[in-house]
Each structure stands twice: as C-alpha cells, then as structure tokens.
Amino acid sequence: MLVLAILTKTLEANGQLDNTLILFVSDNGASAEGGEFGFERRPGGTLGTANSFAS
C-alpha cells in the first residue's frame, strides 16, 4: 500500500485530502460458466424459473 501512502501525502501537501474520495474497486474476472453473460439459457425455458438456465 505504498502507493496509497504516497497519494494521501501528496493530496495532504496540496491541501486536497479533505476534498478527495478514494475508492477501492475490484473485479473477480470473467465467469467460467460460459455464455455471453456468464450463463447459458435453455431454449424454451420460462425466464426466471429454474428450468430457464443450464446447470
């Protein structure tokens, strides 16, 4: 977290630390289930039911 320390010290030195929101975001990567949206839809399955997705 050295970069965070450098960032906060620089912001503080410039008087901008109190006006700054620091966010940490993460992405767990691609889904391994397959399909365009990370899942496969069964043809003819009623949307929102258990039989609408492949397992």
N, C-alpha and C. Protein backbone atom coordinates (compact mmCIF):
# COMPACT_ATOMS: atom_id res chain seq x y z
N MET A 1 0.81 -1.20 0.00
CA MET A 1 0.00 0.00 0.00
C MET A 1 0.85 1.26 0.00
N LEU A 2 2.05 1.14 -0.46
CA LEU A 2 2.94 2.30 -0.55
C LEU A 2 2.35 3.38 -1.45
N VAL A 3 1.69 2.96 -2.52
CA VAL A 3 1.12 3.93 -3.45
C VAL A 3 0.04 4.75 -2.75
N LEU A 4 -0.75 4.12 -1.90
CA LEU A 4 -1.79 4.84 -1.16
C LEU A 4 -1.17 5.87 -0.22
N ALA A 5 -0.09 5.51 0.43
CA ALA A 5 0.60 6.45 1.32
C ALA A 5 1.13 7.65 0.54
N ILE A 6 1.72 7.40 -0.60
CA ILE A 6 2.24 8.49 -1.44
C ILE A 6 1.09 9.38 -1.91
N LEU A 7 0.00 8.75 -2.32
CA LEU A 7 -1.16 9.52 -2.78
C LEU A 7 -1.72 10.40 -1.68
N THR A 8 -1.93 9.85 -0.50
CA THR A 8 -2.50 10.65 0.59
C THR A 8 -1.56 11.76 1.05
N LYS A 9 -0.28 11.47 1.08
CA LYS A 9 0.68 12.52 1.48
C LYS A 9 0.72 13.65 0.45
N THR A 10 0.65 13.31 -0.82
CA THR A 10 0.65 14.32 -1.87
C THR A 10 -0.62 15.16 -1.82
N LEU A 11 -1.76 14.49 -1.64
CA LEU A 11 -3.02 15.23 -1.53
C LEU A 11 -3.02 16.15 -0.31
N GLU A 12 -2.49 15.64 0.80
CA GLU A 12 -2.43 16.45 2.01
C GLU A 12 -1.51 17.66 1.82
N ALA A 13 -0.38 17.45 1.18
CA ALA A 13 0.58 18.54 0.94
C ALA A 13 -0.02 19.62 0.05
N ASN A 14 -0.92 19.21 -0.85
CA ASN A 14 -1.56 20.17 -1.76
C ASN A 14 -2.88 20.70 -1.21
N GLY A 15 -3.23 20.30 0.02
CA GLY A 15 -4.47 20.78 0.62
C GLY A 15 -5.73 20.19 0.03
N GLN A 16 -5.63 19.05 -0.61
CA GLN A 16 -6.78 18.46 -1.28
C GLN A 16 -7.28 17.16 -0.64
N LEU A 17 -6.65 16.72 0.42
CA LEU A 17 -7.03 15.45 1.03
C LEU A 17 -8.47 15.48 1.54
N ASP A 18 -8.89 16.59 2.15
CA ASP A 18 -10.25 16.70 2.67
C ASP A 18 -11.30 16.76 1.56
N ASN A 19 -10.88 17.07 0.34
CA ASN A 19 -11.81 17.18 -0.79
C ASN A 19 -11.74 15.96 -1.71
N THR A 20 -11.15 14.88 -1.22
CA THR A 20 -10.91 13.73 -2.08
C THR A 20 -11.58 12.49 -1.52
N LEU A 21 -12.23 11.74 -2.40
CA LEU A 21 -12.82 10.46 -2.07
C LEU A 21 -11.99 9.38 -2.76
N ILE A 22 -11.45 8.47 -1.99
CA ILE A 22 -10.64 7.39 -2.55
C ILE A 22 -11.45 6.11 -2.49
N LEU A 23 -11.65 5.50 -3.64
CA LEU A 23 -12.44 4.27 -3.74
C LEU A 23 -11.54 3.10 -4.15
N PHE A 24 -11.80 1.96 -3.58
CA PHE A 24 -11.13 0.74 -3.99
C PHE A 24 -12.18 -0.14 -4.66
N VAL A 25 -11.91 -0.54 -5.88
CA VAL A 25 -12.84 -1.40 -6.61
C VAL A 25 -12.12 -2.67 -7.03
N SER A 26 -12.90 -3.71 -7.24
CA SER A 26 -12.32 -4.98 -7.61
C SER A 26 -13.23 -5.69 -8.61
N ASP A 27 -12.64 -6.47 -9.44
CA ASP A 27 -13.38 -7.28 -10.41
C ASP A 27 -12.84 -8.69 -10.30
N ASN A 28 -13.72 -9.65 -10.08
CA ASN A 28 -13.25 -11.02 -9.91
C ASN A 28 -13.00 -11.74 -11.24
N GLY A 29 -13.03 -11.02 -12.33
CA GLY A 29 -12.67 -11.61 -13.61
C GLY A 29 -13.85 -12.21 -14.35
N ALA A 30 -13.53 -12.90 -15.40
CA ALA A 30 -14.56 -13.48 -16.25
C ALA A 30 -15.22 -14.68 -15.57
N SER A 31 -16.45 -14.93 -15.98
CA SER A 31 -17.19 -16.06 -15.46
C SER A 31 -16.82 -17.31 -16.25
N ALA A 32 -16.67 -18.41 -15.56
CA ALA A 32 -16.29 -19.67 -16.22
C ALA A 32 -17.49 -20.49 -16.67
N GLU A 33 -18.71 -20.02 -16.39
CA GLU A 33 -19.88 -20.83 -16.71
C GLU A 33 -20.19 -20.86 -18.20
N GLY A 34 -19.71 -19.91 -18.95
CA GLY A 34 -19.95 -19.89 -20.39
C GLY A 34 -21.13 -19.01 -20.75
N GLY A 35 -21.33 -18.79 -22.01
CA GLY A 35 -22.41 -17.94 -22.46
C GLY A 35 -21.99 -16.48 -22.47
N GLU A 36 -22.75 -15.69 -23.18
CA GLU A 36 -22.42 -14.28 -23.34
C GLU A 36 -22.40 -13.52 -22.02
N PHE A 37 -23.32 -13.86 -21.11
CA PHE A 37 -23.42 -13.14 -19.84
C PHE A 37 -22.98 -14.00 -18.66
N GLY A 38 -22.21 -15.05 -18.90
CA GLY A 38 -21.72 -15.89 -17.82
C GLY A 38 -22.64 -17.05 -17.52
N PHE A 39 -23.68 -17.24 -18.28
CA PHE A 39 -24.58 -18.36 -18.10
C PHE A 39 -25.17 -18.73 -19.45
N GLU A 40 -25.74 -19.89 -19.54
CA GLU A 40 -26.39 -20.31 -20.77
C GLU A 40 -27.88 -20.46 -20.51
N ARG A 41 -28.68 -19.93 -21.40
CA ARG A 41 -30.12 -20.01 -21.26
C ARG A 41 -30.64 -21.21 -22.03
N ARG A 42 -31.51 -21.98 -21.42
CA ARG A 42 -32.13 -23.12 -22.10
C ARG A 42 -33.21 -22.61 -23.04
N PRO A 43 -33.21 -23.10 -24.27
CA PRO A 43 -34.28 -22.72 -25.20
C PRO A 43 -35.63 -23.19 -24.67
N GLY A 44 -36.62 -22.32 -24.70
CA GLY A 44 -37.97 -22.69 -24.29
C GLY A 44 -38.21 -22.61 -22.80
N GLY A 45 -37.19 -22.36 -22.01
CA GLY A 45 -37.39 -22.24 -20.56
C GLY A 45 -38.06 -20.94 -20.21
N THR A 46 -38.93 -20.97 -19.22
CA THR A 46 -39.60 -19.76 -18.78
C THR A 46 -38.61 -18.89 -18.02
N LEU A 47 -38.45 -17.67 -18.48
CA LEU A 47 -37.49 -16.75 -17.90
C LEU A 47 -37.74 -16.57 -16.41
N GLY A 48 -36.71 -16.69 -15.61
CA GLY A 48 -36.81 -16.51 -14.17
C GLY A 48 -37.10 -17.77 -13.39
N THR A 49 -37.28 -18.89 -14.07
CA THR A 49 -37.52 -20.16 -13.38
C THR A 49 -36.27 -21.01 -13.41
N ALA A 50 -36.26 -22.06 -12.59
CA ALA A 50 -35.09 -22.92 -12.51
C ALA A 50 -34.80 -23.62 -13.84
N ASN A 51 -35.84 -23.88 -14.64
CA ASN A 51 -35.61 -24.59 -15.90
C ASN A 51 -35.19 -23.69 -17.04
N SER A 52 -34.97 -22.40 -16.75
CA SER A 52 -34.58 -21.49 -17.83
C SER A 52 -33.07 -21.39 -18.01
N PHE A 53 -32.30 -21.99 -17.07
CA PHE A 53 -30.84 -21.93 -17.16
C PHE A 53 -30.24 -23.32 -17.16
N ALA A 54 -29.18 -23.47 -17.95
CA ALA A 54 -28.47 -24.74 -17.97
C ALA A 54 -27.70 -24.88 -16.66
N SER A 55 -27.53 -26.10 -16.21
CA SER A 55 -26.78 -26.29 -14.96
C SER A 55 -25.49 -27.00 -15.23
